[in-house]
N, C-alpha and C. Protein backbone atom coordinates (compact mmCIF):
# COMPACT_ATOMS: atom_id res chain seq x y z
N MET A 1 -0.37 -13.15 8.17
CA MET A 1 -0.93 -13.75 7.00
C MET A 1 0.34 -13.95 6.20
N SER A 2 0.24 -15.26 5.42
CA SER A 2 1.38 -15.54 4.59
C SER A 2 1.22 -14.67 3.29
N HIS A 3 2.39 -14.12 2.70
CA HIS A 3 2.32 -13.45 1.47
C HIS A 3 2.96 -14.26 0.43
N ASP A 4 2.96 -15.54 0.47
CA ASP A 4 3.74 -16.25 -0.49
C ASP A 4 3.05 -16.15 -1.91
N ASN A 5 1.88 -15.70 -2.10
CA ASN A 5 1.37 -15.60 -3.31
C ASN A 5 1.36 -14.12 -3.75
N ALA A 6 2.01 -13.16 -2.96
CA ALA A 6 2.04 -11.85 -3.36
C ALA A 6 2.89 -11.61 -4.58
N ILE A 7 2.52 -10.59 -5.45
CA ILE A 7 3.25 -10.31 -6.65
C ILE A 7 3.82 -9.04 -6.57
N VAL A 8 5.11 -8.81 -6.91
CA VAL A 8 5.79 -7.47 -7.05
C VAL A 8 6.02 -7.28 -8.48
N PHE A 9 5.27 -6.20 -8.96
CA PHE A 9 5.45 -5.75 -10.28
C PHE A 9 6.58 -4.76 -10.34
N VAL A 10 7.42 -4.88 -11.45
CA VAL A 10 8.68 -3.90 -11.57
C VAL A 10 8.35 -3.27 -13.01
N VAL A 11 8.46 -2.06 -13.14
CA VAL A 11 8.38 -1.31 -14.44
C VAL A 11 9.59 -0.46 -14.57
N ASP A 12 10.65 -0.72 -15.24
CA ASP A 12 11.86 -0.11 -15.45
C ASP A 12 12.38 -0.22 -16.88
N ASP A 13 12.81 0.83 -17.61
CA ASP A 13 13.32 0.55 -18.90
C ASP A 13 14.79 0.16 -18.99
N ASP A 14 15.35 -0.03 -17.88
CA ASP A 14 16.84 -0.51 -17.88
C ASP A 14 16.87 -2.06 -17.49
N ILE A 15 17.36 -2.69 -18.52
CA ILE A 15 17.23 -4.15 -18.37
C ILE A 15 18.10 -4.69 -17.22
N SER A 16 19.19 -4.17 -16.76
CA SER A 16 20.02 -4.56 -15.72
C SER A 16 19.25 -4.32 -14.40
N ILE A 17 18.46 -3.30 -14.30
CA ILE A 17 17.72 -2.94 -12.96
C ILE A 17 16.67 -4.08 -13.01
N ARG A 18 15.97 -4.35 -14.07
CA ARG A 18 14.84 -5.29 -14.15
C ARG A 18 15.27 -6.58 -13.71
N GLU A 19 16.55 -6.98 -14.19
CA GLU A 19 17.13 -8.42 -13.89
C GLU A 19 17.49 -8.43 -12.52
N SER A 20 18.07 -7.47 -11.90
CA SER A 20 18.64 -7.54 -10.41
C SER A 20 17.41 -7.57 -9.60
N LEU A 21 16.42 -6.65 -9.84
CA LEU A 21 15.32 -6.60 -8.97
C LEU A 21 14.48 -8.07 -8.98
N GLU A 22 14.44 -8.55 -10.15
CA GLU A 22 13.70 -9.87 -10.24
C GLU A 22 14.24 -10.95 -9.32
N LEU A 23 15.72 -10.97 -9.28
CA LEU A 23 16.41 -11.92 -8.47
C LEU A 23 16.28 -11.78 -6.99
N LEU A 24 16.17 -10.26 -6.70
CA LEU A 24 16.10 -10.03 -5.40
C LEU A 24 14.66 -10.39 -4.81
N ILE A 25 13.60 -9.95 -5.67
CA ILE A 25 12.28 -10.13 -5.15
C ILE A 25 11.96 -11.66 -4.99
N ARG A 26 12.52 -12.41 -5.98
CA ARG A 26 12.29 -14.02 -5.94
C ARG A 26 12.96 -14.52 -4.71
N ASP A 27 14.21 -14.08 -4.43
CA ASP A 27 14.95 -14.66 -3.21
C ASP A 27 14.16 -14.26 -1.93
N ALA A 28 13.56 -13.23 -2.04
CA ALA A 28 12.73 -12.85 -0.71
C ALA A 28 11.46 -13.41 -0.57
N GLY A 29 11.07 -14.30 -1.62
CA GLY A 29 10.03 -15.11 -1.42
C GLY A 29 8.65 -14.68 -2.23
N TRP A 30 8.67 -13.39 -2.84
CA TRP A 30 7.54 -13.03 -3.59
C TRP A 30 7.57 -13.38 -5.23
N GLN A 31 6.68 -13.23 -5.76
CA GLN A 31 6.63 -13.45 -7.23
C GLN A 31 6.87 -12.21 -8.15
N PRO A 32 8.03 -12.10 -8.74
CA PRO A 32 8.28 -10.82 -9.58
C PRO A 32 7.55 -11.01 -10.88
N GLU A 33 7.11 -9.86 -11.39
CA GLU A 33 6.67 -9.75 -12.87
C GLU A 33 7.24 -8.45 -13.34
N ILE A 34 8.05 -8.52 -14.45
CA ILE A 34 8.88 -7.58 -14.76
C ILE A 34 8.30 -6.96 -16.24
N PHE A 35 8.42 -5.67 -16.35
CA PHE A 35 7.98 -4.77 -17.58
C PHE A 35 8.81 -3.76 -17.92
N GLU A 36 8.91 -3.63 -19.23
CA GLU A 36 9.75 -2.50 -19.75
C GLU A 36 9.18 -1.13 -19.87
N SER A 37 7.87 -1.09 -19.83
CA SER A 37 7.23 0.09 -20.19
C SER A 37 5.86 0.15 -19.37
N ALA A 38 5.27 1.38 -19.22
CA ALA A 38 4.07 1.50 -18.62
C ALA A 38 2.86 0.87 -19.33
N GLN A 39 2.87 0.99 -20.77
CA GLN A 39 2.02 0.46 -21.47
C GLN A 39 1.91 -1.09 -21.44
N GLU A 40 3.10 -1.71 -21.34
CA GLU A 40 3.24 -3.03 -21.18
C GLU A 40 2.58 -3.52 -19.84
N PHE A 41 2.86 -2.83 -18.83
CA PHE A 41 2.44 -3.29 -17.64
C PHE A 41 0.79 -3.19 -17.47
N LEU A 42 0.27 -1.90 -18.23
CA LEU A 42 -1.24 -1.79 -18.24
C LEU A 42 -1.98 -2.73 -19.00
N SER A 43 -1.33 -3.55 -19.91
CA SER A 43 -2.02 -4.55 -20.68
C SER A 43 -2.13 -5.75 -19.72
N ARG A 44 -1.51 -5.87 -18.59
CA ARG A 44 -1.54 -7.09 -17.60
C ARG A 44 -2.84 -6.78 -16.82
N PRO A 45 -3.89 -7.92 -17.05
CA PRO A 45 -5.07 -7.67 -16.17
C PRO A 45 -4.76 -7.53 -14.72
N ARG A 46 -5.60 -7.01 -14.08
CA ARG A 46 -5.58 -6.56 -12.53
C ARG A 46 -5.58 -7.96 -11.79
N VAL A 47 -4.84 -8.08 -10.78
CA VAL A 47 -4.64 -9.32 -9.99
C VAL A 47 -5.38 -9.02 -8.62
N PHE A 48 -5.84 -10.17 -7.92
CA PHE A 48 -6.62 -9.87 -6.79
C PHE A 48 -5.91 -10.72 -5.60
N VAL A 49 -4.58 -10.58 -5.72
CA VAL A 49 -3.74 -10.98 -4.50
C VAL A 49 -2.93 -9.82 -4.14
N PRO A 50 -2.41 -9.80 -2.68
CA PRO A 50 -1.54 -8.68 -2.35
C PRO A 50 -0.51 -8.47 -3.22
N SER A 51 -0.29 -7.26 -3.69
CA SER A 51 0.64 -6.85 -4.72
C SER A 51 1.25 -5.42 -4.53
N CYS A 52 2.46 -5.06 -5.17
CA CYS A 52 2.74 -3.75 -5.17
C CYS A 52 3.61 -3.62 -6.44
N LEU A 53 3.82 -2.24 -6.65
CA LEU A 53 4.59 -1.91 -8.03
C LEU A 53 5.79 -1.15 -7.70
N ILE A 54 6.91 -1.60 -8.32
CA ILE A 54 8.20 -0.92 -8.08
C ILE A 54 8.37 -0.02 -9.51
N LEU A 55 8.35 1.18 -9.50
CA LEU A 55 8.18 1.96 -10.71
C LEU A 55 9.22 3.05 -10.78
N ASP A 56 9.90 2.94 -12.04
CA ASP A 56 10.85 3.89 -12.33
C ASP A 56 10.18 5.29 -12.66
N VAL A 57 10.54 6.41 -12.35
CA VAL A 57 9.87 7.66 -12.52
C VAL A 57 9.80 7.93 -14.01
N ARG A 58 11.19 8.00 -14.66
CA ARG A 58 11.40 8.41 -15.91
C ARG A 58 11.34 7.15 -16.84
N LEU A 59 10.37 7.06 -17.55
CA LEU A 59 10.02 5.97 -18.53
C LEU A 59 9.62 6.49 -19.96
N PRO A 60 10.04 5.83 -21.15
CA PRO A 60 9.64 6.29 -22.33
C PRO A 60 7.97 6.22 -22.55
N GLY A 61 7.56 7.20 -23.10
CA GLY A 61 6.00 7.16 -23.27
C GLY A 61 5.37 7.70 -21.98
N LEU A 62 4.39 6.92 -21.51
CA LEU A 62 3.74 7.23 -20.41
C LEU A 62 4.83 7.13 -19.07
N ASN A 63 5.12 8.22 -18.37
CA ASN A 63 6.01 8.32 -17.24
C ASN A 63 5.51 7.81 -16.07
N GLY A 64 6.39 7.53 -15.05
CA GLY A 64 5.89 7.11 -13.84
C GLY A 64 4.80 7.64 -12.92
N LEU A 65 4.88 8.92 -12.92
CA LEU A 65 3.90 9.77 -12.28
C LEU A 65 2.55 9.62 -12.99
N GLU A 66 2.78 9.56 -14.31
CA GLU A 66 1.40 9.50 -15.09
C GLU A 66 0.68 8.04 -14.81
N LEU A 67 1.70 7.11 -14.85
CA LEU A 67 1.12 5.66 -14.58
C LEU A 67 0.54 5.56 -13.18
N GLN A 68 1.25 6.41 -12.10
CA GLN A 68 0.64 6.30 -10.73
C GLN A 68 -0.80 6.87 -10.86
N LYS A 69 -1.00 7.72 -11.55
CA LYS A 69 -2.62 8.24 -11.55
C LYS A 69 -3.44 7.14 -12.12
N ARG A 70 -3.18 6.57 -13.13
CA ARG A 70 -3.82 5.38 -13.65
C ARG A 70 -4.04 4.28 -12.66
N VAL A 71 -2.82 3.89 -11.98
CA VAL A 71 -3.08 2.86 -11.11
C VAL A 71 -4.00 3.06 -9.91
N ALA A 72 -3.89 4.40 -9.58
CA ALA A 72 -4.79 4.87 -8.28
C ALA A 72 -6.27 4.70 -8.68
N VAL A 73 -6.65 4.74 -9.96
CA VAL A 73 -8.05 4.55 -10.36
C VAL A 73 -8.34 3.11 -10.64
N ASP A 74 -7.54 2.50 -11.48
CA ASP A 74 -7.73 1.00 -11.77
C ASP A 74 -7.47 -0.06 -10.85
N ARG A 75 -6.42 0.21 -10.04
CA ARG A 75 -5.91 -0.81 -9.26
C ARG A 75 -5.55 -0.13 -7.86
N PRO A 76 -6.58 0.29 -7.14
CA PRO A 76 -6.47 1.01 -5.90
C PRO A 76 -5.78 0.21 -4.87
N ASP A 77 -5.71 -1.10 -4.82
CA ASP A 77 -5.05 -1.96 -3.75
C ASP A 77 -3.60 -2.17 -4.13
N MET A 78 -3.09 -1.49 -5.09
CA MET A 78 -1.67 -1.85 -5.44
C MET A 78 -0.58 -0.54 -5.16
N PRO A 79 -0.21 -0.57 -3.95
CA PRO A 79 0.78 0.48 -3.52
C PRO A 79 1.91 0.69 -4.43
N ILE A 80 2.57 1.73 -4.64
CA ILE A 80 3.67 2.04 -5.57
C ILE A 80 4.88 2.52 -4.75
N ILE A 81 6.08 1.90 -5.10
CA ILE A 81 7.41 2.24 -4.69
C ILE A 81 7.96 2.76 -5.77
N PHE A 82 8.59 4.15 -5.70
CA PHE A 82 9.29 4.83 -6.89
C PHE A 82 10.75 4.71 -6.64
N ILE A 83 11.32 4.37 -7.90
CA ILE A 83 12.80 4.32 -7.75
C ILE A 83 13.24 5.41 -9.10
N THR A 84 14.40 5.96 -8.75
CA THR A 84 14.88 6.97 -9.79
C THR A 84 16.32 7.06 -9.69
N GLY A 85 16.93 7.40 -10.91
CA GLY A 85 18.43 7.81 -10.83
C GLY A 85 18.59 9.14 -10.55
N HIS A 86 17.41 10.00 -11.10
CA HIS A 86 17.64 11.35 -10.92
C HIS A 86 16.38 12.05 -10.42
N GLY A 87 16.04 11.88 -9.16
CA GLY A 87 14.82 12.28 -8.50
C GLY A 87 15.12 13.72 -8.17
N ASP A 88 14.07 14.49 -8.03
CA ASP A 88 14.17 15.91 -7.42
C ASP A 88 13.15 16.00 -6.35
N VAL A 89 13.32 17.01 -5.51
CA VAL A 89 12.38 17.19 -4.41
C VAL A 89 10.86 17.36 -4.79
N PRO A 90 10.51 18.26 -5.74
CA PRO A 90 9.08 18.56 -6.30
C PRO A 90 8.58 17.09 -6.74
N MET A 91 9.25 16.36 -7.50
CA MET A 91 8.91 15.09 -8.10
C MET A 91 8.55 14.11 -6.99
N SER A 92 9.44 14.02 -5.95
CA SER A 92 9.17 13.13 -4.77
C SER A 92 8.03 13.40 -3.97
N VAL A 93 7.86 14.85 -3.73
CA VAL A 93 6.83 15.30 -2.99
C VAL A 93 5.34 15.00 -3.68
N GLN A 94 5.41 15.17 -5.13
CA GLN A 94 4.08 14.85 -5.84
C GLN A 94 3.85 13.28 -5.80
N ALA A 95 4.94 12.52 -5.83
CA ALA A 95 4.71 11.13 -5.70
C ALA A 95 4.11 10.62 -4.39
N MET A 96 4.66 11.16 -3.21
CA MET A 96 4.34 10.80 -1.97
C MET A 96 2.91 11.27 -1.56
N LYS A 97 2.59 12.59 -2.12
CA LYS A 97 1.26 13.22 -1.83
C LYS A 97 0.21 12.27 -2.51
N ALA A 98 0.58 11.74 -3.71
CA ALA A 98 -0.42 10.93 -4.43
C ALA A 98 -0.46 9.41 -3.83
N GLY A 99 0.30 9.19 -2.81
CA GLY A 99 0.07 7.97 -1.95
C GLY A 99 1.18 6.88 -2.23
N ALA A 100 2.45 7.29 -2.84
CA ALA A 100 3.55 6.14 -3.02
C ALA A 100 4.07 5.80 -1.48
N VAL A 101 4.43 4.71 -1.49
CA VAL A 101 4.93 4.08 -0.17
C VAL A 101 6.35 4.63 0.05
N GLU A 102 7.11 4.58 -1.01
CA GLU A 102 8.52 5.18 -0.68
C GLU A 102 8.98 5.79 -2.15
N PHE A 103 9.96 6.74 -2.03
CA PHE A 103 10.51 7.31 -3.24
C PHE A 103 12.13 7.09 -2.98
N LEU A 104 12.69 6.07 -3.84
CA LEU A 104 14.19 5.65 -3.58
C LEU A 104 15.07 6.36 -4.70
N THR A 105 16.16 6.96 -4.31
CA THR A 105 16.91 7.35 -5.28
C THR A 105 18.13 6.30 -5.40
N LYS A 106 18.34 5.72 -6.59
CA LYS A 106 19.50 4.88 -7.04
C LYS A 106 20.83 5.56 -6.69
N PRO A 107 21.68 4.56 -6.22
CA PRO A 107 21.68 3.45 -5.71
C PRO A 107 21.04 3.37 -4.23
N PHE A 108 20.18 2.32 -4.01
CA PHE A 108 19.66 2.17 -2.74
C PHE A 108 19.92 0.79 -2.31
N SER A 109 19.80 0.56 -0.94
CA SER A 109 20.34 -0.72 -0.45
C SER A 109 18.96 -1.75 -0.70
N ASP A 110 19.53 -3.06 -0.62
CA ASP A 110 18.42 -4.23 -0.85
C ASP A 110 17.61 -4.04 0.44
N THR A 111 18.09 -3.98 1.44
CA THR A 111 17.27 -3.92 2.77
C THR A 111 16.28 -2.80 2.63
N THR A 112 16.55 -1.63 2.28
CA THR A 112 15.64 -0.45 2.27
C THR A 112 14.50 -0.79 1.35
N LEU A 113 14.80 -1.37 0.11
CA LEU A 113 13.84 -1.75 -0.87
C LEU A 113 12.86 -2.88 -0.35
N LEU A 114 13.46 -3.89 0.26
CA LEU A 114 12.66 -5.08 0.84
C LEU A 114 11.72 -4.64 1.85
N SER A 115 12.24 -3.75 2.82
CA SER A 115 11.48 -3.06 3.66
C SER A 115 10.26 -2.37 3.26
N ALA A 116 10.43 -1.61 2.18
CA ALA A 116 9.34 -0.86 1.56
C ALA A 116 8.24 -1.73 0.88
N ILE A 117 8.87 -2.79 0.25
CA ILE A 117 8.01 -3.84 -0.38
C ILE A 117 7.20 -4.61 0.68
N LYS A 118 7.74 -4.98 1.87
CA LYS A 118 6.92 -5.54 2.85
C LYS A 118 5.79 -4.68 3.29
N GLU A 119 6.10 -3.32 3.58
CA GLU A 119 5.04 -2.33 3.94
C GLU A 119 3.96 -2.28 3.01
N ALA A 120 4.57 -2.25 1.50
CA ALA A 120 3.42 -2.16 0.32
C ALA A 120 2.46 -3.31 0.34
N ILE A 121 3.26 -4.54 0.52
CA ILE A 121 2.36 -5.75 0.55
C ILE A 121 1.43 -5.82 1.58
N ASP A 122 1.83 -5.42 2.70
CA ASP A 122 0.83 -5.35 3.98
C ASP A 122 -0.39 -4.38 3.62
N ARG A 123 0.04 -3.26 3.21
CA ARG A 123 -0.98 -2.32 2.80
C ARG A 123 -2.10 -2.72 1.75
N SER A 124 -1.53 -3.48 0.83
CA SER A 124 -2.40 -4.18 -0.28
C SER A 124 -3.21 -5.15 0.19
N ASP A 125 -2.65 -6.08 1.13
CA ASP A 125 -3.47 -7.11 1.71
C ASP A 125 -4.68 -6.49 2.54
N ALA A 126 -4.41 -5.36 3.18
CA ALA A 126 -5.54 -4.81 4.05
C ALA A 126 -6.55 -4.29 3.27
N GLU A 127 -6.09 -3.57 2.16
CA GLU A 127 -6.95 -2.84 1.14
C GLU A 127 -7.94 -3.97 0.50
N LEU A 128 -7.31 -5.06 0.11
CA LEU A 128 -8.10 -6.18 -0.46
C LEU A 128 -9.08 -6.78 0.44
N GLY A 129 -8.73 -6.93 1.85
CA GLY A 129 -9.73 -7.36 2.81
C GLY A 129 -10.73 -6.42 2.92
N LEU A 130 -10.52 -5.18 2.88
CA LEU A 130 -11.63 -4.22 3.12
C LEU A 130 -12.53 -4.21 1.89
N GLU A 131 -11.99 -4.37 0.63
CA GLU A 131 -12.66 -4.53 -0.52
C GLU A 131 -13.72 -5.67 -0.61
N ALA A 132 -13.09 -6.91 -0.20
CA ALA A 132 -13.90 -8.11 -0.06
C ALA A 132 -15.05 -7.90 0.99
N GLU A 133 -14.73 -7.31 2.12
CA GLU A 133 -15.69 -7.12 3.16
C GLU A 133 -16.84 -6.16 2.57
N MET A 134 -16.52 -5.08 1.70
CA MET A 134 -17.60 -4.32 1.14
C MET A 134 -18.31 -4.99 0.08
N GLN A 135 -17.65 -5.89 -0.66
CA GLN A 135 -18.50 -6.64 -1.64
C GLN A 135 -19.46 -7.64 -1.01
N SER A 136 -19.01 -8.01 0.19
CA SER A 136 -19.91 -9.05 0.81
C SER A 136 -21.13 -8.39 1.40
N LEU A 137 -20.95 -6.94 1.93
CA LEU A 137 -22.09 -6.29 2.46
C LEU A 137 -23.11 -5.98 1.22
N ARG A 138 -22.49 -5.55 0.08
CA ARG A 138 -23.38 -5.19 -1.15
C ARG A 138 -24.29 -6.44 -1.55
N ASP A 139 -23.40 -7.65 -1.56
CA ASP A 139 -24.12 -8.78 -1.86
C ASP A 139 -25.29 -9.22 -1.02
N ARG A 140 -25.03 -8.89 0.28
CA ARG A 140 -26.16 -9.06 1.36
C ARG A 140 -27.22 -8.21 1.03
N TYR A 141 -27.09 -6.95 0.73
CA TYR A 141 -28.09 -5.77 0.46
C TYR A 141 -28.81 -6.25 -0.78
N VAL A 142 -28.24 -6.70 -1.70
CA VAL A 142 -29.11 -6.90 -2.95
C VAL A 142 -30.19 -8.09 -2.60
N LEU A 143 -29.95 -8.90 -1.52
CA LEU A 143 -30.80 -10.01 -1.25
C LEU A 143 -32.17 -9.47 -0.37
N LEU A 144 -32.05 -8.09 -0.01
CA LEU A 144 -33.12 -7.61 0.66
C LEU A 144 -34.41 -7.20 -0.42
N SER A 145 -35.60 -7.39 -0.12
CA SER A 145 -36.67 -7.11 -0.82
C SER A 145 -36.68 -5.54 -0.77
N SER A 146 -37.66 -4.97 -1.70
CA SER A 146 -37.64 -3.40 -1.79
C SER A 146 -38.32 -2.93 -0.44
N ARG A 147 -39.37 -3.72 0.21
CA ARG A 147 -39.96 -3.41 1.40
C ARG A 147 -38.95 -3.44 2.58
N GLU A 148 -37.95 -4.53 2.65
CA GLU A 148 -37.01 -4.62 3.48
C GLU A 148 -35.99 -3.47 3.64
N ARG A 149 -35.60 -2.99 2.32
CA ARG A 149 -34.83 -1.84 2.13
C ARG A 149 -35.43 -0.55 2.71
N GLU A 150 -36.57 -0.45 2.57
CA GLU A 150 -37.47 0.91 3.06
C GLU A 150 -37.38 0.71 4.53
N VAL A 151 -37.74 -0.51 5.20
CA VAL A 151 -37.67 -0.52 6.68
C VAL A 151 -36.30 -0.36 7.19
N MET A 152 -35.40 -0.86 6.50
CA MET A 152 -33.92 -0.60 6.88
C MET A 152 -33.54 0.87 6.92
N ALA A 153 -33.90 1.63 5.92
CA ALA A 153 -33.57 2.90 5.82
C ALA A 153 -34.21 3.74 6.85
N LEU A 154 -35.43 3.49 7.32
CA LEU A 154 -36.15 4.12 8.32
C LEU A 154 -35.69 3.76 9.77
N VAL A 155 -35.33 2.50 9.90
CA VAL A 155 -34.83 1.96 11.17
C VAL A 155 -33.48 2.57 11.44
N VAL A 156 -32.54 2.71 10.54
CA VAL A 156 -31.13 3.36 10.73
C VAL A 156 -31.27 4.90 10.99
N ARG A 157 -32.38 5.41 10.59
CA ARG A 157 -32.54 6.82 10.87
C ARG A 157 -33.05 7.01 12.24
N GLY A 158 -33.29 5.90 12.99
CA GLY A 158 -33.77 6.01 14.47
C GLY A 158 -35.06 6.05 14.75
N LEU A 159 -35.92 5.62 13.66
CA LEU A 159 -37.31 5.57 13.85
C LEU A 159 -37.77 4.31 14.60
N LEU A 160 -38.78 4.33 15.49
CA LEU A 160 -39.24 3.27 16.19
C LEU A 160 -40.13 2.49 15.25
N ASN A 161 -40.47 1.19 15.66
CA ASN A 161 -41.17 0.21 14.79
C ASN A 161 -42.57 1.03 14.51
N LYS A 162 -43.22 1.56 15.50
CA LYS A 162 -44.57 2.10 15.21
C LYS A 162 -44.49 3.39 14.30
N GLN A 163 -43.25 3.90 14.28
CA GLN A 163 -43.14 5.19 13.50
C GLN A 163 -42.96 4.67 11.92
N VAL A 164 -42.16 3.59 11.80
CA VAL A 164 -41.96 3.00 10.53
C VAL A 164 -43.21 2.58 9.97
N ALA A 165 -44.01 1.89 10.80
CA ALA A 165 -45.37 1.33 10.45
C ALA A 165 -46.04 2.53 9.79
N PHE A 166 -46.16 3.73 10.51
CA PHE A 166 -47.01 4.88 10.25
C PHE A 166 -46.49 5.35 8.80
N GLU A 167 -45.12 5.54 8.67
CA GLU A 167 -44.62 5.95 7.47
C GLU A 167 -44.76 5.14 6.31
N LEU A 168 -44.79 3.71 6.57
CA LEU A 168 -44.95 3.03 5.32
C LEU A 168 -46.49 2.49 5.16
N GLY A 169 -47.26 2.81 6.14
CA GLY A 169 -48.72 2.36 6.00
C GLY A 169 -48.94 0.85 6.13
N ILE A 170 -48.02 0.28 7.10
CA ILE A 170 -48.29 -1.16 7.33
C ILE A 170 -48.36 -1.32 8.83
N SER A 171 -48.65 -2.60 9.23
CA SER A 171 -48.78 -2.79 10.71
C SER A 171 -47.32 -2.92 11.43
N GLU A 172 -47.38 -2.60 12.72
CA GLU A 172 -46.26 -2.78 13.49
C GLU A 172 -45.59 -4.11 13.46
N ILE A 173 -46.56 -5.25 13.43
CA ILE A 173 -46.18 -6.56 13.56
C ILE A 173 -45.44 -6.91 12.28
N THR A 174 -45.87 -6.36 11.20
CA THR A 174 -45.33 -6.56 9.86
C THR A 174 -43.79 -5.91 9.77
N VAL A 175 -43.82 -4.56 10.43
CA VAL A 175 -42.42 -3.96 10.44
C VAL A 175 -41.55 -4.89 11.27
N LYS A 176 -42.01 -5.43 12.42
CA LYS A 176 -41.02 -6.40 13.30
C LYS A 176 -40.56 -7.51 12.41
N ALA A 177 -41.54 -7.96 11.62
CA ALA A 177 -40.98 -9.22 10.88
C ALA A 177 -40.02 -8.78 9.58
N HIS A 178 -40.21 -7.63 9.00
CA HIS A 178 -39.26 -7.23 8.01
C HIS A 178 -37.86 -6.90 8.79
N ARG A 179 -38.03 -6.20 9.90
CA ARG A 179 -36.80 -5.74 10.52
C ARG A 179 -35.90 -6.98 11.03
N GLY A 180 -36.65 -8.03 11.50
CA GLY A 180 -35.98 -9.30 11.77
C GLY A 180 -35.28 -9.80 10.55
N GLN A 181 -35.85 -9.85 9.47
CA GLN A 181 -35.42 -10.38 8.13
C GLN A 181 -34.07 -9.47 7.71
N VAL A 182 -34.25 -8.12 7.85
CA VAL A 182 -33.12 -7.16 7.50
C VAL A 182 -31.95 -7.45 8.39
N MET A 183 -32.17 -7.72 9.83
CA MET A 183 -31.07 -8.10 10.60
C MET A 183 -30.43 -9.34 10.25
N ARG A 184 -31.10 -10.36 10.10
CA ARG A 184 -30.60 -11.68 9.49
C ARG A 184 -29.81 -11.63 8.25
N LYS A 185 -30.56 -11.04 7.13
CA LYS A 185 -29.93 -10.88 5.93
C LYS A 185 -28.57 -10.18 5.89
N MET A 186 -28.66 -9.02 6.69
CA MET A 186 -27.39 -8.33 6.82
C MET A 186 -26.31 -8.61 7.76
N ASN A 187 -26.85 -9.71 8.39
CA ASN A 187 -25.82 -10.33 9.41
C ASN A 187 -25.48 -9.34 10.56
N ALA A 188 -26.45 -8.49 10.89
CA ALA A 188 -26.20 -7.46 11.83
C ALA A 188 -26.53 -7.97 13.29
N THR A 189 -25.77 -7.80 14.29
CA THR A 189 -25.99 -8.24 15.63
C THR A 189 -26.68 -7.27 16.38
N SER A 190 -26.80 -6.07 16.09
CA SER A 190 -27.50 -5.03 16.92
C SER A 190 -27.85 -3.92 15.86
N LEU A 191 -28.75 -3.00 16.42
CA LEU A 191 -29.11 -1.79 15.61
C LEU A 191 -27.82 -1.08 15.42
N ALA A 192 -26.92 -0.82 16.38
CA ALA A 192 -25.74 0.03 16.09
C ALA A 192 -24.93 -0.66 14.90
N ASP A 193 -24.96 -1.86 14.82
CA ASP A 193 -24.27 -2.70 13.80
C ASP A 193 -24.79 -2.33 12.42
N LEU A 194 -26.27 -2.47 12.46
CA LEU A 194 -26.92 -2.17 11.21
C LEU A 194 -26.70 -0.69 10.73
N VAL A 195 -26.57 0.16 11.64
CA VAL A 195 -26.47 1.54 11.36
C VAL A 195 -25.05 1.74 10.74
N ASN A 196 -24.00 1.03 11.28
CA ASN A 196 -22.67 1.08 10.67
C ASN A 196 -22.60 0.52 9.28
N ILE A 197 -23.30 -0.70 9.16
CA ILE A 197 -23.44 -1.23 7.78
C ILE A 197 -23.85 -0.30 6.75
N ALA A 198 -25.11 0.29 7.10
CA ALA A 198 -25.84 1.31 6.17
C ALA A 198 -24.77 2.53 5.97
N ALA A 199 -24.11 3.10 6.94
CA ALA A 199 -23.21 4.04 6.59
C ALA A 199 -22.14 3.61 5.78
N ARG A 200 -21.53 2.43 5.72
CA ARG A 200 -20.41 2.00 4.99
C ARG A 200 -21.06 1.84 3.66
N LEU A 201 -22.26 1.30 3.42
CA LEU A 201 -22.84 1.09 2.09
C LEU A 201 -23.00 2.48 1.35
N ASN A 202 -23.57 3.43 2.14
CA ASN A 202 -23.78 4.85 1.52
C ASN A 202 -22.53 5.43 1.28
N ALA A 203 -21.33 5.28 1.95
CA ALA A 203 -20.17 5.85 1.70
C ALA A 203 -19.59 5.32 0.54
N ALA A 204 -19.87 3.95 0.13
CA ALA A 204 -19.24 3.42 -1.07
C ALA A 204 -19.86 3.68 -2.19
N ARG A 205 -21.17 4.29 -2.13
CA ARG A 205 -21.89 4.58 -3.39
C ARG A 205 -21.32 5.77 -4.21
């Protein structure tokens, strides 16, 4: 997949770092967006294209590790690459445990950074794909009538049509009709597929 529309955000309070990274990112074919502080970055609305964040650990105000916690909640599809002039082992361990793609100590090579950006953009792209898929499932589930939802819940538990009919106090023919509608609306190709869809919807709640 082309990542021409991917955005690489940079948050660093050193203007020379910001400017050099901006040039490097643009030359590599991505769109750079540069910020001086965590607060300035947070005022930028979330984007729904593949993206990543290059983040200095030590920032005035909200520091990099604190911003990482905010991003994990508000922008879960945005992987983070940390850069620092004075990192220590506990700090890097904390950042990596919280999901950072890379923790680079300045000076680092352009190749190393570009490789980390590519990995982060790929990860973001995959996350956005899963998110879109889940939203599609939710949108389809909303189209089910309350009776169709009841039938779906019992069917995925493994009940036969006649058992579902008994549970709901309706005829087996009616159950079959509702079951057919559920399969069609949820775009399920088999019972196993429907069970998988139901599990994903429950996990996302």
